[in-house]
Amino acid sequence: MSLIILGSTGSVGRQAIDVALALGIKVLGISCGSDVLELEKQARMLGVRACSVRDEKAAKSLKQSLADTGIKVYAGEDGICEMIADLRADKVLNAVSGFAGLRPTLAAIDAGCDLALANKESLVAAGKLVMARAKAAGVAVLPVDSEHSALLQCMTHPKAVSRLILTASGGPFFGKTRAELADVTPEEALGHPTWKMGPRVTIDSSTLMNKGFEVIEAARLFDIPAEKIDVVIHRESIIHSMVEYIDNAVLAQLSVPDMRLCIQYALTYPERAPGLTNKLDLAQLGKLTFYKPDYREFPLLGLAYETDRRSDAARVALNAADEVAVGLFLSRKIRYNDIAELVCEVVRSAEERDYFSYGEFAEADRYYREKTLEFAQALRKY
């Protein structure tokens, strides 16, 4: 099997390289936003045919650095899509962060590549478009998120499913009130108890926005209404999600919290291969605990259910507003509780409109990003 890894310098991308090397998968191409020092190391180690760098200035630097090789360097937003089309790998693993991952998702589908999807924004903002295009192209969309990988592994009888149950760690602020979180710093919010992830997804985990995104993602992946998807707080992060069937049987997938298992399953599906992760020792764990999420203190989870019932515009607004608000918080321009306030404000201002092309989604994404900044300025948050 041949593979392209998009976002190879990030957390998921680096682990995907570990898995590819262990399984003997040929990596044809890799990409990054601007970290060309790391990308060059990866390119030389893997012997790829091509690299893509979103930052055009950084791409020029990489091209000079790789001048002694036959590795082709693509640049800019168009470059990543051109690389996908030219290489025609068997599978593309998309670990690009944010809305920027949508266009490569569509490019992989259009190139006829099966898709291992770690970019949840593709399905949050444009899930109906993505899944419809994948179905028409005969392309598989395989989840890399641990929760959705767990659901896929437990999906033994798709027509008999009555409920999906997503587990959430609860993040670093489980049990806290909004009043107690008023002065939280970015460093505190980045202190996830079980997973090592990128900055945005770690902050989103702390607000439960990430779990809201995963509800929408699961609804699109498995073609099931969001009202049939529940969330339960599971602090140990050992059960990664569950599927309930019409006979009330519940199947759960358990493993130590390590993304390499989810990545590997997306690459080998429907087969399995020897894993890189540690074995699970239940006796050493002793117990597993579960709690209901607090929708009042963490309102973004409930907001995600609301947007799933609404329009494409509302879902684009949800992702765009969160991406901007988290960025403002990480740069210390707004406070922690302002994230939820801004996202709720922008989403509830969104029109009821659906979109049918990438261009429409991209235009809406730009509009709601600007709207978020306007609200932040009006509220004297920025």
Protein backbone atom coordinates (compact mmCIF):
# COMPACT_ATOMS: atom_id res chain seq x y z
CA MET A 1 0.00 0.00 0.00
CA SER A 2 1.14 3.54 -0.73
CA LEU A 3 0.33 6.50 1.51
CA ILE A 4 0.36 10.29 1.65
CA ILE A 5 0.51 11.87 5.12
CA LEU A 6 -0.86 15.41 5.30
CA GLY A 7 0.16 17.35 8.39
CA SER A 8 3.10 15.03 8.97
CA THR A 9 4.92 17.38 11.38
CA GLY A 10 2.02 17.49 13.86
CA SER A 11 1.23 15.04 16.65
CA VAL A 12 -0.97 12.68 14.59
CA GLY A 13 1.28 12.98 11.55
CA ARG A 14 4.41 11.97 13.47
CA GLN A 15 2.61 8.98 14.96
CA ALA A 16 1.34 8.05 11.49
CA ILE A 17 4.96 7.92 10.33
CA ASP A 18 5.75 5.55 13.22
CA VAL A 19 2.91 3.27 12.14
CA ALA A 20 3.83 3.40 8.45
CA LEU A 21 7.43 2.46 9.22
CA ALA A 22 6.34 -0.41 11.48
CA LEU A 23 3.95 -1.79 8.86
CA GLY A 24 6.29 -1.31 5.91
CA ILE A 25 3.92 1.10 4.16
CA LYS A 26 5.50 3.21 1.44
CA VAL A 27 4.98 6.92 2.11
CA LEU A 28 4.94 8.77 -1.22
CA GLY A 29 4.29 12.30 0.02
CA ILE A 30 4.12 14.43 3.15
CA SER A 31 3.00 17.97 3.93
CA CYS A 32 3.18 20.68 6.57
CA GLY A 33 2.15 24.26 7.16
CA SER A 34 5.56 25.83 7.68
CA ASP A 35 7.82 23.54 9.78
CA VAL A 36 10.19 22.74 6.91
CA LEU A 37 13.10 21.75 9.18
CA GLU A 38 11.11 18.80 10.50
CA LEU A 39 9.59 18.10 7.07
CA GLU A 40 13.05 17.86 5.48
CA LYS A 41 14.15 15.33 8.10
CA GLN A 42 11.01 13.28 7.48
CA ALA A 43 11.35 13.49 3.70
CA ARG A 44 14.93 12.24 3.73
CA MET A 45 14.19 9.47 6.24
CA LEU A 46 11.14 8.20 4.34
CA GLY A 47 12.53 8.71 0.83
CA VAL A 48 9.30 10.35 -0.33
CA ARG A 49 8.65 11.41 -3.90
CA ALA A 50 7.15 14.79 -2.96
CA CYS A 51 6.52 17.31 -0.19
CA SER A 52 4.00 20.13 0.07
CA VAL A 53 4.30 23.26 2.22
CA ARG A 54 1.39 25.63 2.67
CA ASP A 55 3.63 28.63 3.45
CA GLU A 56 5.06 29.56 0.04
CA LYS A 57 8.16 31.29 1.44
CA ALA A 58 8.95 28.22 3.55
CA ALA A 59 8.37 26.02 0.50
CA LYS A 60 11.09 27.90 -1.40
CA SER A 61 13.48 27.30 1.48
CA LEU A 62 12.67 23.58 1.49
CA LYS A 63 13.16 23.33 -2.25
CA GLN A 64 16.70 24.69 -1.83
CA SER A 65 17.38 22.33 1.08
CA LEU A 66 16.25 19.31 -0.95
CA ALA A 67 18.08 20.34 -4.13
CA ASP A 68 20.43 17.36 -3.80
CA THR A 69 17.48 14.94 -3.96
CA GLY A 70 14.84 14.12 -6.54
CA ILE A 71 12.06 15.14 -4.14
CA LYS A 72 9.53 17.52 -5.70
CA VAL A 73 8.29 20.40 -3.54
CA TYR A 74 4.77 21.80 -3.95
CA ALA A 75 3.77 25.17 -2.49
CA GLY A 76 0.66 26.94 -1.24
CA GLU A 77 -2.95 25.84 -0.83
CA ASP A 78 -3.10 24.61 -4.42
CA GLY A 79 0.14 22.68 -4.01
CA ILE A 80 -1.17 20.14 -1.52
CA CYS A 81 -4.06 19.27 -3.84
CA GLU A 82 -1.72 19.05 -6.84
CA MET A 83 0.54 16.67 -4.92
CA ILE A 84 -2.39 14.42 -4.05
CA ALA A 85 -3.56 14.34 -7.68
CA ASP A 86 -0.06 13.69 -9.05
CA LEU A 87 0.99 10.95 -6.61
CA ARG A 88 -2.27 8.95 -6.70
CA ALA A 89 -1.51 7.02 -3.53
CA ASP A 90 -3.75 4.19 -2.34
CA LYS A 91 -4.62 6.15 0.80
CA VAL A 92 -4.33 9.69 2.12
CA LEU A 93 -4.10 10.32 5.87
CA ASN A 94 -5.35 13.86 6.44
CA ALA A 95 -4.04 15.27 9.73
CA VAL A 96 -4.13 18.92 8.63
CA SER A 97 -5.49 21.13 11.42
CA GLY A 98 -8.65 23.20 11.06
CA PHE A 99 -10.85 24.21 8.13
CA ALA A 100 -7.71 24.20 5.96
CA GLY A 101 -8.07 20.40 5.87
CA LEU A 102 -11.35 20.44 3.92
CA ARG A 103 -9.90 21.14 0.50
CA PRO A 104 -7.29 18.32 0.75
CA THR A 105 -10.07 15.98 1.91
CA LEU A 106 -12.03 16.71 -1.26
CA ALA A 107 -8.86 16.48 -3.37
CA ALA A 108 -8.11 13.00 -2.01
CA ILE A 109 -11.65 11.86 -2.80
CA ASP A 110 -11.47 13.34 -6.30
CA ALA A 111 -8.15 11.52 -6.85
CA GLY A 112 -9.84 8.22 -5.94
CA CYS A 113 -7.76 7.72 -2.78
CA ASP A 114 -9.24 6.10 0.30
CA LEU A 115 -9.19 8.60 3.14
CA ALA A 116 -7.93 8.11 6.71
CA LEU A 117 -9.43 11.21 8.26
CA ALA A 118 -7.99 12.92 11.34
CA ASN A 119 -9.23 16.35 10.22
CA LYS A 120 -12.62 16.47 11.95
CA GLU A 121 -13.40 19.95 10.56
CA SER A 122 -13.99 18.37 7.14
CA LEU A 123 -17.01 16.55 8.56
CA VAL A 124 -18.11 19.23 11.04
CA ALA A 125 -18.28 22.01 8.47
CA ALA A 126 -19.02 20.08 5.27
CA GLY A 127 -19.83 16.51 6.24
CA LYS A 128 -22.78 16.07 3.91
CA LEU A 129 -20.74 17.25 0.92
CA VAL A 130 -17.73 15.09 1.87
CA MET A 131 -19.70 11.89 2.44
CA ALA A 132 -21.84 12.34 -0.68
CA ARG A 133 -18.76 12.91 -2.84
CA ALA A 134 -16.97 9.91 -1.28
CA LYS A 135 -19.97 7.68 -1.94
CA ALA A 136 -20.18 8.82 -5.56
CA ALA A 137 -16.44 8.19 -6.04
CA GLY A 138 -16.51 4.79 -4.31
CA VAL A 139 -13.95 6.04 -1.79
CA ALA A 140 -13.78 4.85 1.83
CA VAL A 141 -13.68 7.47 4.61
CA LEU A 142 -12.03 5.86 7.63
CA PRO A 143 -11.87 7.69 10.97
CA VAL A 144 -8.62 8.27 12.83
CA ASP A 145 -10.13 9.87 15.96
CA SER A 146 -10.05 7.32 18.79
CA GLU A 147 -13.79 7.64 19.44
CA HIS A 148 -14.85 7.10 15.85
CA SER A 149 -12.31 4.35 15.32
CA ALA A 150 -13.85 2.64 18.35
CA LEU A 151 -17.33 3.00 16.87
CA LEU A 152 -16.16 1.54 13.56
CA GLN A 153 -14.60 -1.41 15.36
CA CYS A 154 -17.84 -2.04 17.29
CA MET A 155 -20.10 -1.59 14.25
CA THR A 156 -20.85 -5.29 13.73
CA HIS A 157 -24.53 -4.87 12.75
CA PRO A 158 -25.03 -1.35 11.33
CA LYS A 159 -28.74 -1.80 10.62
CA ALA A 160 -29.45 -2.80 14.23
CA VAL A 161 -27.79 0.17 15.94
CA SER A 162 -30.01 2.03 18.41
CA ARG A 163 -27.48 4.44 19.96
CA LEU A 164 -23.85 5.53 19.77
CA ILE A 165 -22.04 6.44 23.00
CA LEU A 166 -19.00 8.68 22.76
CA THR A 167 -16.68 8.80 25.75
CA ALA A 168 -14.93 11.99 26.84
CA SER A 169 -12.08 12.39 29.32
CA GLY A 170 -13.64 15.59 30.65
CA GLY A 171 -10.36 17.44 30.10
CA PRO A 172 -8.40 19.24 32.84
CA PHE A 173 -11.43 21.09 34.23
CA PHE A 174 -13.83 18.24 34.97
CA GLY A 175 -16.14 19.20 37.83
CA LYS A 176 -15.29 22.91 37.66
CA THR A 177 -17.81 25.74 37.31
CA ARG A 178 -17.55 28.63 34.87
CA ALA A 179 -16.90 30.93 37.82
CA GLU A 180 -13.93 28.81 38.86
CA LEU A 181 -12.57 28.92 35.29
CA ALA A 182 -12.66 32.71 34.91
CA ASP A 183 -8.90 33.15 35.33
CA VAL A 184 -7.66 29.97 33.66
CA THR A 185 -4.41 30.43 31.72
CA PRO A 186 -3.54 28.83 28.36
CA GLU A 187 -0.92 26.71 30.15
CA GLU A 188 -3.55 25.29 32.52
CA ALA A 189 -5.99 24.62 29.68
CA LEU A 190 -3.29 22.81 27.71
CA GLY A 191 -2.74 20.34 30.56
CA HIS A 192 -4.80 17.40 29.27
CA PRO A 193 -4.93 14.50 31.75
CA THR A 194 -4.51 11.58 29.32
CA TRP A 195 -3.84 12.58 25.69
CA LYS A 196 -0.98 14.47 24.01
CA MET A 197 -2.55 16.53 21.21
CA GLY A 198 -2.11 19.78 19.31
CA PRO A 199 -2.97 23.11 21.01
CA ARG A 200 -6.38 23.72 19.47
CA VAL A 201 -7.79 20.24 20.03
CA THR A 202 -6.44 20.29 23.61
CA ILE A 203 -8.24 23.56 24.37
CA ASP A 204 -11.36 22.22 22.65
CA SER A 205 -11.17 19.14 24.85
CA SER A 206 -11.13 21.36 27.94
CA THR A 207 -14.30 23.22 26.83
CA LEU A 208 -15.98 20.00 25.55
CA MET A 209 -16.18 21.65 22.12
CA ASN A 210 -14.07 18.82 20.76
CA LYS A 211 -16.67 16.32 21.94
CA GLY A 212 -19.39 18.40 20.29
CA PHE A 213 -17.44 18.28 17.05
CA GLU A 214 -17.17 14.52 17.45
CA VAL A 215 -20.95 14.19 17.82
CA ILE A 216 -21.41 15.91 14.45
CA GLU A 217 -18.57 13.86 12.96
CA ALA A 218 -20.13 10.58 14.13
CA ALA A 219 -23.52 11.60 12.74
CA ARG A 220 -21.96 12.09 9.29
CA LEU A 221 -19.65 9.07 9.32
CA PHE A 222 -22.30 6.60 10.42
CA ASP A 223 -25.38 8.33 8.96
CA ILE A 224 -27.21 8.49 12.28
CA PRO A 225 -29.11 11.45 13.82
CA ALA A 226 -27.25 13.32 16.55
CA GLU A 227 -30.11 12.72 18.96
CA LYS A 228 -29.11 9.04 18.88
CA ILE A 229 -25.57 9.89 19.95
CA ASP A 230 -24.84 10.26 23.67
CA VAL A 231 -21.74 11.52 25.47
CA VAL A 232 -20.46 10.13 28.76
CA ILE A 233 -17.47 11.36 30.77
CA HIS A 234 -14.96 8.56 31.28
CA ARG A 235 -11.89 9.89 33.07
CA GLU A 236 -9.61 6.93 32.49
CA SER A 237 -9.83 7.13 28.65
CA ILE A 238 -9.76 3.34 28.37
CA ILE A 239 -13.18 2.78 26.76
CA HIS A 240 -12.99 4.87 23.61
CA SER A 241 -16.65 4.60 22.61
CA MET A 242 -19.57 2.18 22.54
CA VAL A 243 -22.34 1.01 20.23
CA GLU A 244 -25.75 0.03 21.61
CA TYR A 245 -27.96 -2.29 19.58
CA ILE A 246 -31.73 -2.75 19.43
CA ASP A 247 -31.51 -5.77 21.76
CA ASN A 248 -29.83 -3.47 24.35
CA ALA A 249 -26.45 -5.15 23.97
CA VAL A 250 -23.58 -2.65 24.17
CA LEU A 251 -20.23 -3.28 22.50
CA ALA A 252 -17.22 -1.25 23.68
CA GLN A 253 -13.67 -0.88 22.38
CA LEU A 254 -10.97 -0.70 25.06
CA SER A 255 -7.27 0.05 24.82
CA VAL A 256 -4.61 2.20 26.44
CA PRO A 257 -4.88 5.83 25.24
CA ASP A 258 -2.50 5.84 22.26
CA MET A 259 -3.38 7.31 18.86
CA ARG A 260 -1.14 4.86 17.03
CA LEU A 261 -3.78 2.14 17.40
CA CYS A 262 -6.47 4.29 15.74
CA ILE A 263 -4.09 5.36 12.98
CA GLN A 264 -3.06 1.76 12.35
CA TYR A 265 -6.65 0.52 12.12
CA ALA A 266 -7.48 3.24 9.58
CA LEU A 267 -4.50 2.15 7.50
CA THR A 268 -5.08 -1.63 7.70
CA TYR A 269 -8.92 -1.70 7.75
CA PRO A 270 -10.64 -4.15 7.65
CA GLU A 271 -7.62 -6.24 8.61
CA ARG A 272 -5.55 -6.03 11.80
CA ALA A 273 -1.79 -6.15 12.31
CA PRO A 274 0.49 -6.46 15.35
CA GLY A 275 0.32 -3.17 17.24
CA LEU A 276 2.81 -0.64 18.58
CA THR A 277 0.83 0.17 21.73
CA ASN A 278 1.08 -1.35 25.19
CA LYS A 279 -1.29 -4.14 26.18
CA LEU A 280 -4.22 -3.29 28.45
CA ASP A 281 -3.98 -4.56 32.03
CA LEU A 282 -7.49 -4.37 33.50
CA ALA A 283 -6.48 -5.69 36.91
CA GLN A 284 -3.92 -2.93 37.25
CA LEU A 285 -6.53 -0.33 36.33
CA GLY A 286 -8.84 -1.56 39.06
CA LYS A 287 -11.92 0.42 38.03
CA LEU A 288 -13.51 2.45 35.24
CA THR A 289 -15.74 5.44 36.05
CA PHE A 290 -18.50 7.27 34.18
CA TYR A 291 -20.31 10.59 34.65
CA LYS A 292 -22.86 12.71 32.84
CA PRO A 293 -21.46 15.80 31.10
CA ASP A 294 -22.33 19.19 32.60
CA TYR A 295 -24.09 20.99 29.74
CA ARG A 296 -24.69 24.14 31.80
CA GLU A 297 -21.08 24.79 32.78
CA PHE A 298 -19.75 23.59 29.40
CA PRO A 299 -22.35 24.94 26.93
CA LEU A 300 -20.45 24.25 23.70
CA LEU A 301 -21.32 20.55 23.78
CA GLY A 302 -25.03 21.36 23.73
CA LEU A 303 -24.44 23.99 21.05
CA ALA A 304 -22.99 21.30 18.78
CA TYR A 305 -26.22 19.28 19.02
CA GLU A 306 -28.12 22.45 18.15
CA THR A 307 -26.04 23.14 15.06
CA ASP A 308 -26.39 19.55 13.86
CA ARG A 309 -30.15 20.13 13.64
CA ARG A 310 -29.63 23.40 11.76
CA SER A 311 -27.88 24.32 8.52
CA ASP A 312 -24.46 24.11 6.92
CA ALA A 313 -24.06 27.79 7.76
CA ALA A 314 -24.50 27.10 11.48
CA ARG A 315 -21.92 24.30 11.42
CA VAL A 316 -19.40 26.38 9.46
CA ALA A 317 -19.98 29.20 11.97
CA LEU A 318 -19.41 26.77 14.87
CA ASN A 319 -16.04 25.66 13.56
CA ALA A 320 -14.88 29.07 12.34
CA ALA A 321 -15.83 30.87 15.55
CA ASP A 322 -14.16 28.24 17.71
CA GLU A 323 -10.97 28.26 15.64
CA VAL A 324 -10.71 32.05 15.94
CA ALA A 325 -11.73 32.20 19.61
CA VAL A 326 -9.23 29.51 20.65
CA GLY A 327 -6.52 31.38 18.76
CA LEU A 328 -7.39 34.60 20.61
CA PHE A 329 -7.28 32.78 23.94
CA LEU A 330 -3.93 31.13 23.22
CA SER A 331 -2.51 34.55 22.32
CA ARG A 332 -3.97 35.92 25.60
CA LYS A 333 -6.31 38.38 23.90
CA ILE A 334 -9.47 36.97 25.49
CA ARG A 335 -10.20 35.02 28.69
CA TYR A 336 -11.07 31.34 28.87
CA ASN A 337 -14.84 31.77 29.37
CA ASP A 338 -14.92 34.19 26.43
CA ILE A 339 -14.35 31.26 24.07
CA ALA A 340 -17.82 29.82 24.71
CA GLU A 341 -19.41 33.26 24.80
CA LEU A 342 -18.05 34.21 21.39
CA VAL A 343 -18.82 30.87 19.75
CA CYS A 344 -22.41 30.85 21.02
CA GLU A 345 -22.91 34.45 19.85
CA VAL A 346 -21.63 33.77 16.34
CA VAL A 347 -23.49 30.49 15.87
CA ARG A 348 -26.78 31.94 16.99
CA SER A 349 -26.33 34.77 14.46
CA ALA A 350 -25.81 32.29 11.60
CA GLU A 351 -28.37 32.09 8.81
CA GLU A 352 -30.21 28.92 7.86
CA ARG A 353 -28.47 28.13 4.59
CA ASP A 354 -26.92 25.03 3.04
CA TYR A 355 -23.95 24.98 0.65
CA PHE A 356 -23.14 22.77 -2.32
CA SER A 357 -19.54 23.50 -3.28
CA TYR A 358 -16.17 24.02 -1.67
CA GLY A 359 -16.22 27.66 -2.76
CA GLU A 360 -19.44 28.31 -0.85
CA PHE A 361 -18.06 26.66 2.28
CA ALA A 362 -14.79 28.61 2.04
CA GLU A 363 -16.63 31.93 1.59
CA ALA A 364 -18.83 31.17 4.61
CA ASP A 365 -15.78 30.21 6.67
CA ARG A 366 -14.14 33.58 5.90
CA TYR A 367 -17.36 35.41 6.72
CA TYR A 368 -17.84 33.78 10.13
CA ARG A 369 -14.18 34.25 11.07
CA GLU A 370 -14.59 37.97 10.44
CA LYS A 371 -17.87 37.91 12.35
CA THR A 372 -16.13 36.36 15.36
CA LEU A 373 -13.52 39.13 15.38
CA GLU A 374 -16.28 41.74 15.09
CA PHE A 375 -18.13 40.26 18.07
CA ALA A 376 -14.89 40.11 20.03
CA GLN A 377 -14.21 43.77 19.33
CA ALA A 378 -17.82 44.79 20.09
CA LEU A 379 -17.63 43.01 23.43
CA ARG A 380 -14.25 44.68 24.05
CA LYS A 381 -12.68 41.27 24.21
CA TYR A 382 -10.03 42.00 21.57
